[in-house]
Amino acid sequence: MLNEMVITDSRRALYERVRISLEQERIELRYLIDNFDRALLRSGAAGEASSDGSDQEALIERSHQHRQRLKLVLQGLQRIRDGTFGLCETCDEPIGERRLLALPTARLCITCQQETELTLSESSELQRERG
């Protein structure tokens, strides 16, 4: 269950700034994705891809990166709408304002993020030792 968090005026203003920023990024990403999709269609239809397909592969990769980022942006906007934005998904504590300003799509507080990264790092090390 999520902690009830009293939202101060400054926190509310932060959420509004982040919402506006995420909405702008959403628009920009959709524009970029549309452009990459059109470029892919043109290169495929015109047979313009290089012999090894590297140009088309680069377009596909960039489009994929933009789509992944768009997914994070949309999730952030949804969390704002449903009232869970700014709460850590692991510990239910408020995420620091500086972290939210620097990374508006953050889902974890800095402590939980560090613990997650440490766990993933240790898991990777074990896999390398075994493999």
N, C-alpha and C. Protein backbone atom coordinates (compact mmCIF):
# COMPACT_ATOMS: atom_id res chain seq x y z
N MET A 1 0.85 -1.19 0.00
CA MET A 1 0.00 0.00 0.00
C MET A 1 0.88 1.23 0.00
N LEU A 2 0.54 2.20 -0.78
CA LEU A 2 1.33 3.42 -0.87
C LEU A 2 1.11 4.29 0.36
N ASN A 3 2.20 4.92 0.80
CA ASN A 3 2.10 5.87 1.89
C ASN A 3 1.26 7.05 1.44
N GLU A 4 0.47 7.59 2.38
CA GLU A 4 -0.22 8.84 2.11
C GLU A 4 0.82 9.93 2.21
N MET A 5 0.97 10.72 1.18
CA MET A 5 1.98 11.76 1.18
C MET A 5 1.29 13.11 1.09
N VAL A 6 1.60 13.98 2.04
CA VAL A 6 1.08 15.33 1.98
C VAL A 6 1.88 16.06 0.91
N ILE A 7 1.17 16.58 -0.06
CA ILE A 7 1.83 17.26 -1.16
C ILE A 7 1.85 18.75 -0.87
N THR A 8 3.04 19.27 -0.68
CA THR A 8 3.20 20.70 -0.42
C THR A 8 3.02 21.49 -1.70
N ASP A 9 2.87 22.79 -1.55
CA ASP A 9 2.74 23.65 -2.73
C ASP A 9 3.97 23.55 -3.62
N SER A 10 5.16 23.48 -3.00
CA SER A 10 6.38 23.40 -3.81
C SER A 10 6.45 22.06 -4.53
N ARG A 11 6.00 21.01 -3.89
CA ARG A 11 6.00 19.68 -4.54
C ARG A 11 4.98 19.67 -5.68
N ARG A 12 3.82 20.28 -5.45
CA ARG A 12 2.78 20.37 -6.48
C ARG A 12 3.31 21.16 -7.69
N ALA A 13 4.04 22.25 -7.42
CA ALA A 13 4.63 23.04 -8.50
C ALA A 13 5.68 22.21 -9.26
N LEU A 14 6.46 21.43 -8.51
CA LEU A 14 7.44 20.54 -9.15
C LEU A 14 6.75 19.56 -10.08
N TYR A 15 5.68 18.93 -9.62
CA TYR A 15 4.95 17.97 -10.44
C TYR A 15 4.42 18.62 -11.71
N GLU A 16 3.95 19.86 -11.59
CA GLU A 16 3.44 20.56 -12.77
C GLU A 16 4.56 20.86 -13.76
N ARG A 17 5.71 21.28 -13.25
CA ARG A 17 6.86 21.52 -14.13
C ARG A 17 7.28 20.24 -14.83
N VAL A 18 7.32 19.15 -14.08
CA VAL A 18 7.71 17.86 -14.65
C VAL A 18 6.66 17.41 -15.67
N ARG A 19 5.39 17.59 -15.36
CA ARG A 19 4.33 17.19 -16.30
C ARG A 19 4.48 17.93 -17.62
N ILE A 20 4.70 19.23 -17.56
CA ILE A 20 4.87 20.03 -18.77
C ILE A 20 6.10 19.55 -19.55
N SER A 21 7.18 19.30 -18.84
CA SER A 21 8.41 18.81 -19.49
C SER A 21 8.18 17.46 -20.16
N LEU A 22 7.50 16.56 -19.46
CA LEU A 22 7.23 15.23 -20.03
C LEU A 22 6.29 15.33 -21.23
N GLU A 23 5.31 16.21 -21.17
CA GLU A 23 4.39 16.39 -22.30
C GLU A 23 5.16 16.90 -23.52
N GLN A 24 6.06 17.84 -23.32
CA GLN A 24 6.87 18.35 -24.42
C GLN A 24 7.76 17.25 -24.99
N GLU A 25 8.37 16.47 -24.10
CA GLU A 25 9.22 15.38 -24.57
C GLU A 25 8.41 14.34 -25.33
N ARG A 26 7.20 14.07 -24.87
CA ARG A 26 6.32 13.11 -25.56
C ARG A 26 6.06 13.57 -26.99
N ILE A 27 5.77 14.84 -27.17
CA ILE A 27 5.51 15.39 -28.50
C ILE A 27 6.75 15.27 -29.38
N GLU A 28 7.90 15.65 -28.83
CA GLU A 28 9.15 15.58 -29.58
C GLU A 28 9.49 14.14 -29.98
N LEU A 29 9.31 13.21 -29.05
CA LEU A 29 9.63 11.81 -29.35
C LEU A 29 8.71 11.25 -30.42
N ARG A 30 7.44 11.57 -30.35
CA ARG A 30 6.51 11.08 -31.38
C ARG A 30 6.88 11.63 -32.75
N TYR A 31 7.28 12.89 -32.78
CA TYR A 31 7.73 13.50 -34.03
C TYR A 31 8.96 12.77 -34.57
N LEU A 32 9.95 12.52 -33.70
CA LEU A 32 11.16 11.82 -34.12
C LEU A 32 10.85 10.40 -34.60
N ILE A 33 10.02 9.71 -33.86
CA ILE A 33 9.65 8.34 -34.24
C ILE A 33 8.97 8.33 -35.61
N ASP A 34 8.04 9.26 -35.82
CA ASP A 34 7.38 9.36 -37.13
C ASP A 34 8.40 9.60 -38.24
N ASN A 35 9.35 10.49 -37.99
CA ASN A 35 10.38 10.78 -39.00
C ASN A 35 11.24 9.55 -39.28
N PHE A 36 11.64 8.83 -38.24
CA PHE A 36 12.44 7.62 -38.45
C PHE A 36 11.64 6.58 -39.22
N ASP A 37 10.36 6.44 -38.88
CA ASP A 37 9.52 5.47 -39.60
C ASP A 37 9.41 5.83 -41.07
N ARG A 38 9.21 7.11 -41.36
CA ARG A 38 9.14 7.55 -42.77
C ARG A 38 10.47 7.30 -43.49
N ALA A 39 11.57 7.59 -42.81
CA ALA A 39 12.89 7.37 -43.42
C ALA A 39 13.11 5.88 -43.69
N LEU A 40 12.67 5.03 -42.78
CA LEU A 40 12.80 3.59 -43.00
C LEU A 40 11.96 3.14 -44.18
N LEU A 41 10.76 3.66 -44.29
CA LEU A 41 9.90 3.29 -45.42
C LEU A 41 10.52 3.75 -46.74
N ARG A 42 11.06 4.98 -46.75
CA ARG A 42 11.68 5.50 -47.97
C ARG A 42 12.91 4.68 -48.34
N SER A 43 13.74 4.36 -47.35
CA SER A 43 14.97 3.63 -47.68
C SER A 43 14.65 2.22 -48.15
N GLY A 44 13.64 1.61 -47.57
CA GLY A 44 13.25 0.27 -48.01
C GLY A 44 12.62 0.28 -49.38
N ALA A 45 11.75 1.27 -49.63
CA ALA A 45 11.05 1.34 -50.92
C ALA A 45 11.99 1.71 -52.05
N ALA A 46 12.97 2.56 -51.74
CA ALA A 46 13.87 3.02 -52.80
C ALA A 46 15.11 2.14 -52.92
N GLY A 47 15.25 1.19 -52.02
CA GLY A 47 16.43 0.34 -52.05
C GLY A 47 17.70 1.11 -51.74
N GLU A 48 17.58 2.12 -50.88
CA GLU A 48 18.72 2.98 -50.59
C GLU A 48 19.63 2.45 -49.49
N ALA A 49 19.26 1.38 -48.84
CA ALA A 49 20.08 0.86 -47.76
C ALA A 49 21.43 0.43 -48.31
N SER A 50 22.45 0.63 -47.50
CA SER A 50 23.79 0.22 -47.94
C SER A 50 23.83 -1.29 -48.08
N SER A 51 24.85 -1.79 -48.73
CA SER A 51 24.93 -3.22 -49.02
C SER A 51 24.88 -4.07 -47.76
N ASP A 52 25.42 -3.55 -46.65
CA ASP A 52 25.37 -4.34 -45.41
C ASP A 52 24.17 -3.96 -44.54
N GLY A 53 23.36 -3.02 -45.00
CA GLY A 53 22.17 -2.65 -44.25
C GLY A 53 22.45 -1.78 -43.04
N SER A 54 23.67 -1.26 -42.90
CA SER A 54 24.02 -0.52 -41.69
C SER A 54 23.22 0.77 -41.54
N ASP A 55 22.90 1.45 -42.63
CA ASP A 55 22.11 2.68 -42.54
C ASP A 55 20.72 2.37 -41.99
N GLN A 56 20.11 1.34 -42.53
CA GLN A 56 18.77 0.97 -42.09
C GLN A 56 18.81 0.45 -40.64
N GLU A 57 19.84 -0.31 -40.31
CA GLU A 57 19.98 -0.80 -38.93
C GLU A 57 20.14 0.36 -37.95
N ALA A 58 20.87 1.39 -38.34
CA ALA A 58 21.04 2.56 -37.48
C ALA A 58 19.70 3.27 -37.28
N LEU A 59 18.92 3.39 -38.34
CA LEU A 59 17.59 4.01 -38.22
C LEU A 59 16.70 3.19 -37.29
N ILE A 60 16.74 1.89 -37.45
CA ILE A 60 15.92 1.01 -36.60
C ILE A 60 16.34 1.14 -35.15
N GLU A 61 17.63 1.16 -34.89
CA GLU A 61 18.13 1.28 -33.52
C GLU A 61 17.71 2.60 -32.89
N ARG A 62 17.87 3.69 -33.63
CA ARG A 62 17.48 5.01 -33.10
C ARG A 62 15.98 5.06 -32.84
N SER A 63 15.20 4.51 -33.74
CA SER A 63 13.75 4.47 -33.56
C SER A 63 13.40 3.68 -32.31
N HIS A 64 14.08 2.55 -32.11
CA HIS A 64 13.85 1.72 -30.93
C HIS A 64 14.19 2.49 -29.65
N GLN A 65 15.30 3.21 -29.65
CA GLN A 65 15.69 4.01 -28.48
C GLN A 65 14.65 5.07 -28.17
N HIS A 66 14.15 5.73 -29.21
CA HIS A 66 13.12 6.75 -29.00
C HIS A 66 11.83 6.13 -28.48
N ARG A 67 11.50 4.95 -28.98
CA ARG A 67 10.28 4.27 -28.50
C ARG A 67 10.41 3.87 -27.03
N GLN A 68 11.60 3.41 -26.64
CA GLN A 68 11.83 3.04 -25.23
C GLN A 68 11.70 4.27 -24.34
N ARG A 69 12.28 5.38 -24.78
CA ARG A 69 12.20 6.61 -24.00
C ARG A 69 10.75 7.09 -23.92
N LEU A 70 10.02 7.00 -25.04
CA LEU A 70 8.61 7.40 -25.05
C LEU A 70 7.81 6.57 -24.04
N LYS A 71 8.12 5.29 -23.96
CA LYS A 71 7.43 4.42 -23.00
C LYS A 71 7.65 4.93 -21.57
N LEU A 72 8.88 5.31 -21.24
CA LEU A 72 9.18 5.85 -19.90
C LEU A 72 8.44 7.16 -19.66
N VAL A 73 8.41 8.01 -20.67
CA VAL A 73 7.72 9.30 -20.55
C VAL A 73 6.24 9.08 -20.31
N LEU A 74 5.62 8.18 -21.08
CA LEU A 74 4.19 7.89 -20.92
C LEU A 74 3.89 7.30 -19.55
N GLN A 75 4.80 6.46 -19.06
CA GLN A 75 4.61 5.90 -17.71
C GLN A 75 4.69 7.00 -16.65
N GLY A 76 5.62 7.94 -16.83
CA GLY A 76 5.72 9.07 -15.90
C GLY A 76 4.46 9.91 -15.91
N LEU A 77 3.94 10.19 -17.09
CA LEU A 77 2.69 10.96 -17.18
C LEU A 77 1.53 10.21 -16.54
N GLN A 78 1.49 8.90 -16.71
CA GLN A 78 0.43 8.11 -16.08
C GLN A 78 0.55 8.16 -14.56
N ARG A 79 1.78 8.09 -14.04
CA ARG A 79 1.96 8.18 -12.58
C ARG A 79 1.51 9.54 -12.05
N ILE A 80 1.72 10.60 -12.83
CA ILE A 80 1.24 11.91 -12.42
C ILE A 80 -0.29 11.89 -12.37
N ARG A 81 -0.92 11.33 -13.40
CA ARG A 81 -2.39 11.28 -13.44
C ARG A 81 -2.98 10.45 -12.31
N ASP A 82 -2.33 9.32 -12.00
CA ASP A 82 -2.93 8.44 -10.98
C ASP A 82 -2.45 8.74 -9.56
N GLY A 83 -1.61 9.75 -9.41
CA GLY A 83 -1.21 10.19 -8.07
C GLY A 83 -0.05 9.43 -7.44
N THR A 84 0.62 8.60 -8.21
CA THR A 84 1.75 7.85 -7.65
C THR A 84 3.10 8.44 -8.04
N PHE A 85 3.08 9.50 -8.86
CA PHE A 85 4.33 10.14 -9.27
C PHE A 85 5.04 10.68 -8.04
N GLY A 86 6.37 10.49 -8.03
CA GLY A 86 7.18 11.01 -6.92
C GLY A 86 7.31 10.07 -5.75
N LEU A 87 6.65 8.91 -5.83
CA LEU A 87 6.78 7.89 -4.80
C LEU A 87 7.60 6.73 -5.34
N CYS A 88 8.55 6.27 -4.55
CA CYS A 88 9.39 5.15 -4.94
C CYS A 88 8.54 3.89 -5.08
N GLU A 89 8.71 3.17 -6.18
CA GLU A 89 7.94 1.95 -6.41
C GLU A 89 8.39 0.81 -5.51
N THR A 90 9.56 0.93 -4.89
CA THR A 90 10.05 -0.14 -4.02
C THR A 90 9.69 0.10 -2.56
N CYS A 91 9.99 1.29 -2.05
CA CYS A 91 9.79 1.55 -0.61
C CYS A 91 8.62 2.48 -0.31
N ASP A 92 7.96 3.00 -1.33
CA ASP A 92 6.81 3.91 -1.18
C ASP A 92 7.15 5.24 -0.52
N GLU A 93 8.42 5.57 -0.41
CA GLU A 93 8.82 6.85 0.16
C GLU A 93 8.93 7.89 -0.96
N PRO A 94 8.81 9.17 -0.62
CA PRO A 94 8.95 10.20 -1.66
C PRO A 94 10.34 10.19 -2.30
N ILE A 95 10.37 10.37 -3.61
CA ILE A 95 11.62 10.51 -4.34
C ILE A 95 12.05 11.96 -4.19
N GLY A 96 13.34 12.18 -3.97
CA GLY A 96 13.85 13.53 -3.77
C GLY A 96 13.55 14.45 -4.95
N GLU A 97 13.28 15.72 -4.62
CA GLU A 97 12.94 16.69 -5.66
C GLU A 97 14.07 16.87 -6.66
N ARG A 98 15.31 16.91 -6.19
CA ARG A 98 16.43 17.09 -7.12
C ARG A 98 16.52 15.92 -8.09
N ARG A 99 16.25 14.71 -7.60
CA ARG A 99 16.27 13.53 -8.48
C ARG A 99 15.16 13.63 -9.52
N LEU A 100 13.98 14.05 -9.10
CA LEU A 100 12.86 14.17 -10.05
C LEU A 100 13.12 15.25 -11.09
N LEU A 101 13.77 16.33 -10.69
CA LEU A 101 14.12 17.37 -11.66
C LEU A 101 15.16 16.87 -12.65
N ALA A 102 16.13 16.13 -12.15
CA ALA A 102 17.20 15.62 -13.02
C ALA A 102 16.72 14.46 -13.89
N LEU A 103 15.84 13.64 -13.34
CA LEU A 103 15.36 12.44 -14.04
C LEU A 103 13.85 12.29 -13.80
N PRO A 104 13.05 13.04 -14.56
CA PRO A 104 11.60 13.05 -14.33
C PRO A 104 10.92 11.68 -14.46
N THR A 105 11.58 10.74 -15.11
CA THR A 105 10.98 9.41 -15.27
C THR A 105 11.42 8.45 -14.17
N ALA A 106 12.11 8.97 -13.15
CA ALA A 106 12.59 8.11 -12.06
C ALA A 106 11.42 7.42 -11.36
N ARG A 107 11.58 6.12 -11.16
CA ARG A 107 10.55 5.34 -10.47
C ARG A 107 11.01 4.91 -9.08
N LEU A 108 12.31 5.07 -8.83
CA LEU A 108 12.89 4.65 -7.55
C LEU A 108 13.61 5.82 -6.90
N CYS A 109 13.58 5.85 -5.57
CA CYS A 109 14.39 6.84 -4.85
C CYS A 109 15.86 6.46 -5.05
N ILE A 110 16.74 7.36 -4.72
CA ILE A 110 18.16 7.13 -4.98
C ILE A 110 18.68 5.91 -4.20
N THR A 111 18.21 5.73 -2.99
CA THR A 111 18.66 4.59 -2.17
C THR A 111 18.26 3.26 -2.81
N CYS A 112 16.99 3.16 -3.21
CA CYS A 112 16.52 1.92 -3.83
C CYS A 112 17.17 1.71 -5.20
N GLN A 113 17.40 2.79 -5.94
CA GLN A 113 18.08 2.68 -7.23
C GLN A 113 19.48 2.12 -7.06
N GLN A 114 20.21 2.65 -6.06
CA GLN A 114 21.57 2.17 -5.80
C GLN A 114 21.57 0.71 -5.38
N GLU A 115 20.61 0.33 -4.54
CA GLU A 115 20.52 -1.07 -4.12
C GLU A 115 20.21 -1.98 -5.32
N THR A 116 19.33 -1.53 -6.20
CA THR A 116 18.99 -2.30 -7.40
C THR A 116 20.21 -2.47 -8.29
N GLU A 117 20.94 -1.37 -8.51
CA GLU A 117 22.13 -1.43 -9.36
C GLU A 117 23.20 -2.33 -8.76
N LEU A 118 23.35 -2.28 -7.43
CA LEU A 118 24.33 -3.13 -6.76
C LEU A 118 23.95 -4.60 -6.93
N THR A 119 22.68 -4.91 -6.75
CA THR A 119 22.21 -6.27 -6.91
C THR A 119 22.44 -6.76 -8.35
N LEU A 120 22.11 -5.91 -9.33
CA LEU A 120 22.32 -6.29 -10.73
C LEU A 120 23.81 -6.48 -11.03
N SER A 121 24.65 -5.62 -10.46
CA SER A 121 26.10 -5.73 -10.67
C SER A 121 26.63 -7.03 -10.08
N GLU A 122 26.18 -7.35 -8.87
CA GLU A 122 26.62 -8.59 -8.23
C GLU A 122 26.14 -9.80 -9.02
N SER A 123 24.93 -9.73 -9.53
CA SER A 123 24.38 -10.83 -10.33
C SER A 123 25.18 -11.01 -11.61
N SER A 124 25.55 -9.90 -12.25
CA SER A 124 26.36 -9.97 -13.47
C SER A 124 27.73 -10.58 -13.20
N GLU A 125 28.32 -10.21 -12.07
CA GLU A 125 29.62 -10.76 -11.71
C GLU A 125 29.53 -12.26 -11.50
N LEU A 126 28.47 -12.72 -10.84
CA LEU A 126 28.29 -14.15 -10.63
C LEU A 126 28.13 -14.88 -11.96
N GLN A 127 27.37 -14.28 -12.88
CA GLN A 127 27.19 -14.89 -14.20
C GLN A 127 28.50 -15.01 -14.94
N ARG A 128 29.35 -13.98 -14.87
CA ARG A 128 30.65 -14.03 -15.55
C ARG A 128 31.54 -15.09 -14.92
N GLU A 129 31.49 -15.22 -13.61
CA GLU A 129 32.33 -16.21 -12.93
C GLU A 129 31.90 -17.63 -13.32
N ARG A 130 30.59 -17.83 -13.48
CA ARG A 130 30.07 -19.15 -13.83
C ARG A 130 30.26 -19.47 -15.30
N GLY A 131 30.22 -18.42 -16.11
CA GLY A 131 30.24 -18.61 -17.57
C GLY A 131 31.60 -18.62 -18.09
